[in-house]
Amino acid sequence: MGVNGARLKRVAETGRAPVSLVIDGTPATALEGDTLLTAVLTNGRQLRVSEFGDGVRSGFCLMGACQDCWVYTEEGGRLRACSTPVAEGMRIVTRGATWPRLG
């Protein structure tokens, strides 16, 4: 496992600029050009818990087609973690959101 029990460990492309964001209320760091999925999994063990009761999720198709990687902004906007690039100051919620939330 990666740092702090993270699911992914970065082994290459470490020279990109750092990006600060907040994931479930916890400060996190990603690198410029990372997707939200990469940011979440390099900072923790799972993307989210399935709303259908079949366990934890960590991405599936990785190309924006399967609907398995939805996360939310703190304001309630829905984002696909596998295809959304990180941005400085993002505040992402992976737990406790009611699916689907439109808006």
C-alpha atoms as a PDB file:
ATOM      1  CA  MET A   1       0.000   0.000   0.000  1.00  0.00           C
ATOM      2  CA  GLY A   2       0.992   3.599  -0.488  1.00  0.00           C
ATOM      3  CA  VAL A   3       1.539   6.294   2.109  1.00  0.00           C
ATOM      4  CA  ASN A   4      -0.829   6.094   5.099  1.00  0.00           C
ATOM      5  CA  GLY A   5      -2.436   2.923   3.759  1.00  0.00           C
ATOM      6  CA  ALA A   6      -3.370   4.540   0.447  1.00  0.00           C
ATOM      7  CA  ARG A   7      -4.569   2.241  -2.334  1.00  0.00           C
ATOM      8  CA  LEU A   8      -2.132   3.698  -4.914  1.00  0.00           C
ATOM      9  CA  LYS A   9       1.507   4.669  -4.577  1.00  0.00           C
ATOM     10  CA  ARG A  10       3.024   7.152  -6.993  1.00  0.00           C
ATOM     11  CA  VAL A  11       6.198   5.767  -8.568  1.00  0.00           C
ATOM     12  CA  ALA A  12       6.718   8.122 -11.530  1.00  0.00           C
ATOM     13  CA  GLU A  13       5.954  11.648 -12.729  1.00  0.00           C
ATOM     14  CA  THR A  14       6.668  13.119  -9.319  1.00  0.00           C
ATOM     15  CA  GLY A  15       8.031  16.397 -10.721  1.00  0.00           C
ATOM     16  CA  ARG A  16       4.633  17.981 -11.448  1.00  0.00           C
ATOM     17  CA  ALA A  17       3.375  20.917  -9.380  1.00  0.00           C
ATOM     18  CA  PRO A  18       1.472  20.007  -6.189  1.00  0.00           C
ATOM     19  CA  VAL A  19      -2.242  20.810  -5.920  1.00  0.00           C
ATOM     20  CA  SER A  20      -3.992  21.183  -2.555  1.00  0.00           C
ATOM     21  CA  LEU A  21      -7.559  19.961  -2.118  1.00  0.00           C
ATOM     22  CA  VAL A  22      -9.841  18.658   0.624  1.00  0.00           C
ATOM     23  CA  ILE A  23     -11.298  15.146   0.528  1.00  0.00           C
ATOM     24  CA  ASP A  24     -14.049  14.393   3.055  1.00  0.00           C
ATOM     25  CA  GLY A  25     -12.899  17.286   5.227  1.00  0.00           C
ATOM     26  CA  THR A  26      -9.249  16.177   5.272  1.00  0.00           C
ATOM     27  CA  PRO A  27      -6.515  18.186   3.539  1.00  0.00           C
ATOM     28  CA  ALA A  28      -4.924  16.239   0.675  1.00  0.00           C
ATOM     29  CA  THR A  29      -2.304  16.771  -1.993  1.00  0.00           C
ATOM     30  CA  ALA A  30      -2.322  15.696  -5.619  1.00  0.00           C
ATOM     31  CA  LEU A  31      -0.179  16.625  -8.580  1.00  0.00           C
ATOM     32  CA  GLU A  32      -1.153  18.897 -11.451  1.00  0.00           C
ATOM     33  CA  GLY A  33      -2.782  16.770 -14.153  1.00  0.00           C
ATOM     34  CA  ASP A  34      -4.054  14.069 -11.764  1.00  0.00           C
ATOM     35  CA  THR A  35      -7.688  13.042 -11.905  1.00  0.00           C
ATOM     36  CA  LEU A  36      -9.836  13.102  -8.781  1.00  0.00           C
ATOM     37  CA  LEU A  37      -9.711   9.299  -8.786  1.00  0.00           C
ATOM     38  CA  THR A  38      -5.911   9.354  -8.616  1.00  0.00           C
ATOM     39  CA  ALA A  39      -6.003  12.019  -5.893  1.00  0.00           C
ATOM     40  CA  VAL A  40      -8.472  10.078  -3.758  1.00  0.00           C
ATOM     41  CA  LEU A  41      -6.680   6.740  -4.123  1.00  0.00           C
ATOM     42  CA  THR A  42      -3.194   8.162  -3.455  1.00  0.00           C
ATOM     43  CA  ASN A  43      -4.577   9.726  -0.277  1.00  0.00           C
ATOM     44  CA  GLY A  44      -6.814   6.869   0.930  1.00  0.00           C
ATOM     45  CA  ARG A  45      -7.939   3.297   0.460  1.00  0.00           C
ATOM     46  CA  GLN A  46     -11.231   3.679  -1.427  1.00  0.00           C
ATOM     47  CA  LEU A  47     -13.134   6.027  -3.654  1.00  0.00           C
ATOM     48  CA  ARG A  48     -16.529   5.564  -2.027  1.00  0.00           C
ATOM     49  CA  VAL A  49     -18.976   3.013  -0.634  1.00  0.00           C
ATOM     50  CA  SER A  50     -21.583   1.655  -3.034  1.00  0.00           C
ATOM     51  CA  GLU A  51     -25.073   3.056  -2.601  1.00  0.00           C
ATOM     52  CA  PHE A  52     -26.385  -0.424  -3.430  1.00  0.00           C
ATOM     53  CA  GLY A  53     -24.749  -2.136  -0.463  1.00  0.00           C
ATOM     54  CA  ASP A  54     -22.198  -4.212  -2.367  1.00  0.00           C
ATOM     55  CA  GLY A  55     -19.045  -2.784  -0.812  1.00  0.00           C
ATOM     56  CA  VAL A  56     -16.341  -0.247  -1.423  1.00  0.00           C
ATOM     57  CA  ARG A  57     -15.616   1.147  -4.866  1.00  0.00           C
ATOM     58  CA  SER A  58     -12.286   2.199  -6.369  1.00  0.00           C
ATOM     59  CA  GLY A  59     -13.231   2.975  -9.969  1.00  0.00           C
ATOM     60  CA  PHE A  60     -14.167   0.488 -12.664  1.00  0.00           C
ATOM     61  CA  CYS A  61     -13.924   1.482 -16.330  1.00  0.00           C
ATOM     62  CA  LEU A  62     -11.562   4.465 -15.761  1.00  0.00           C
ATOM     63  CA  MET A  63     -12.915   6.262 -18.852  1.00  0.00           C
ATOM     64  CA  GLY A  64     -16.164   7.904 -17.720  1.00  0.00           C
ATOM     65  CA  ALA A  65     -18.606   5.316 -19.044  1.00  0.00           C
ATOM     66  CA  CYS A  66     -19.643   3.093 -16.130  1.00  0.00           C
ATOM     67  CA  GLN A  67     -21.070   5.606 -13.597  1.00  0.00           C
ATOM     68  CA  ASP A  68     -19.129   3.930 -10.757  1.00  0.00           C
ATOM     69  CA  CYS A  69     -16.876   6.808  -9.695  1.00  0.00           C
ATOM     70  CA  TRP A  70     -19.276   9.650  -8.880  1.00  0.00           C
ATOM     71  CA  VAL A  71     -18.119  11.978  -6.111  1.00  0.00           C
ATOM     72  CA  TYR A  72     -19.552  15.319  -5.030  1.00  0.00           C
ATOM     73  CA  THR A  73     -18.382  18.827  -4.379  1.00  0.00           C
ATOM     74  CA  GLU A  74     -19.253  20.151  -0.924  1.00  0.00           C
ATOM     75  CA  GLU A  75     -21.852  22.310  -2.691  1.00  0.00           C
ATOM     76  CA  GLY A  76     -23.574  19.191  -4.046  1.00  0.00           C
ATOM     77  CA  GLY A  77     -22.303  19.106  -7.625  1.00  0.00           C
ATOM     78  CA  ARG A  78     -21.651  15.631  -8.998  1.00  0.00           C
ATOM     79  CA  LEU A  79     -18.316  14.794 -10.685  1.00  0.00           C
ATOM     80  CA  ARG A  80     -16.846  11.703 -12.320  1.00  0.00           C
ATOM     81  CA  ALA A  81     -13.638  11.071 -10.408  1.00  0.00           C
ATOM     82  CA  CYS A  82     -11.990   9.134 -13.248  1.00  0.00           C
ATOM     83  CA  SER A  83     -12.184  11.962 -15.773  1.00  0.00           C
ATOM     84  CA  THR A  84     -12.246  15.172 -13.701  1.00  0.00           C
ATOM     85  CA  PRO A  85      -8.845  16.844 -13.258  1.00  0.00           C
ATOM     86  CA  VAL A  86      -7.958  18.128  -9.801  1.00  0.00           C
ATOM     87  CA  ALA A  87      -7.926  21.867  -9.240  1.00  0.00           C
ATOM     88  CA  GLU A  88      -6.412  23.919  -6.468  1.00  0.00           C
ATOM     89  CA  GLY A  89      -8.818  24.303  -3.538  1.00  0.00           C
ATOM     90  CA  MET A  90     -11.335  21.628  -4.630  1.00  0.00           C
ATOM     91  CA  ARG A  91     -13.460  20.288  -1.787  1.00  0.00           C
ATOM     92  CA  ILE A  92     -14.687  16.770  -2.545  1.00  0.00           C
ATOM     93  CA  VAL A  93     -17.108  14.532  -0.653  1.00  0.00           C
ATOM     94  CA  THR A  94     -16.943  10.773  -1.178  1.00  0.00           C
ATOM     95  CA  ARG A  95     -19.092   9.671   1.776  1.00  0.00           C
ATOM     96  CA  GLY A  96     -22.554  10.533   2.990  1.00  0.00           C
ATOM     97  CA  ALA A  97     -23.881  11.959  -0.274  1.00  0.00           C
ATOM     98  CA  THR A  98     -27.280  10.812  -1.466  1.00  0.00           C
ATOM     99  CA  TRP A  99     -27.090   9.294  -4.948  1.00  0.00           C
ATOM    100  CA  PRO A 100     -28.155  10.460  -7.455  1.00  0.00           C
ATOM    101  CA  ARG A 101     -28.029  14.151  -6.722  1.00  0.00           C
ATOM    102  CA  LEU A 102     -28.654  16.334  -9.713  1.00  0.00           C
ATOM    103  CA  GLY A 103     -27.699  19.939  -9.897  1.00  0.00           C
END
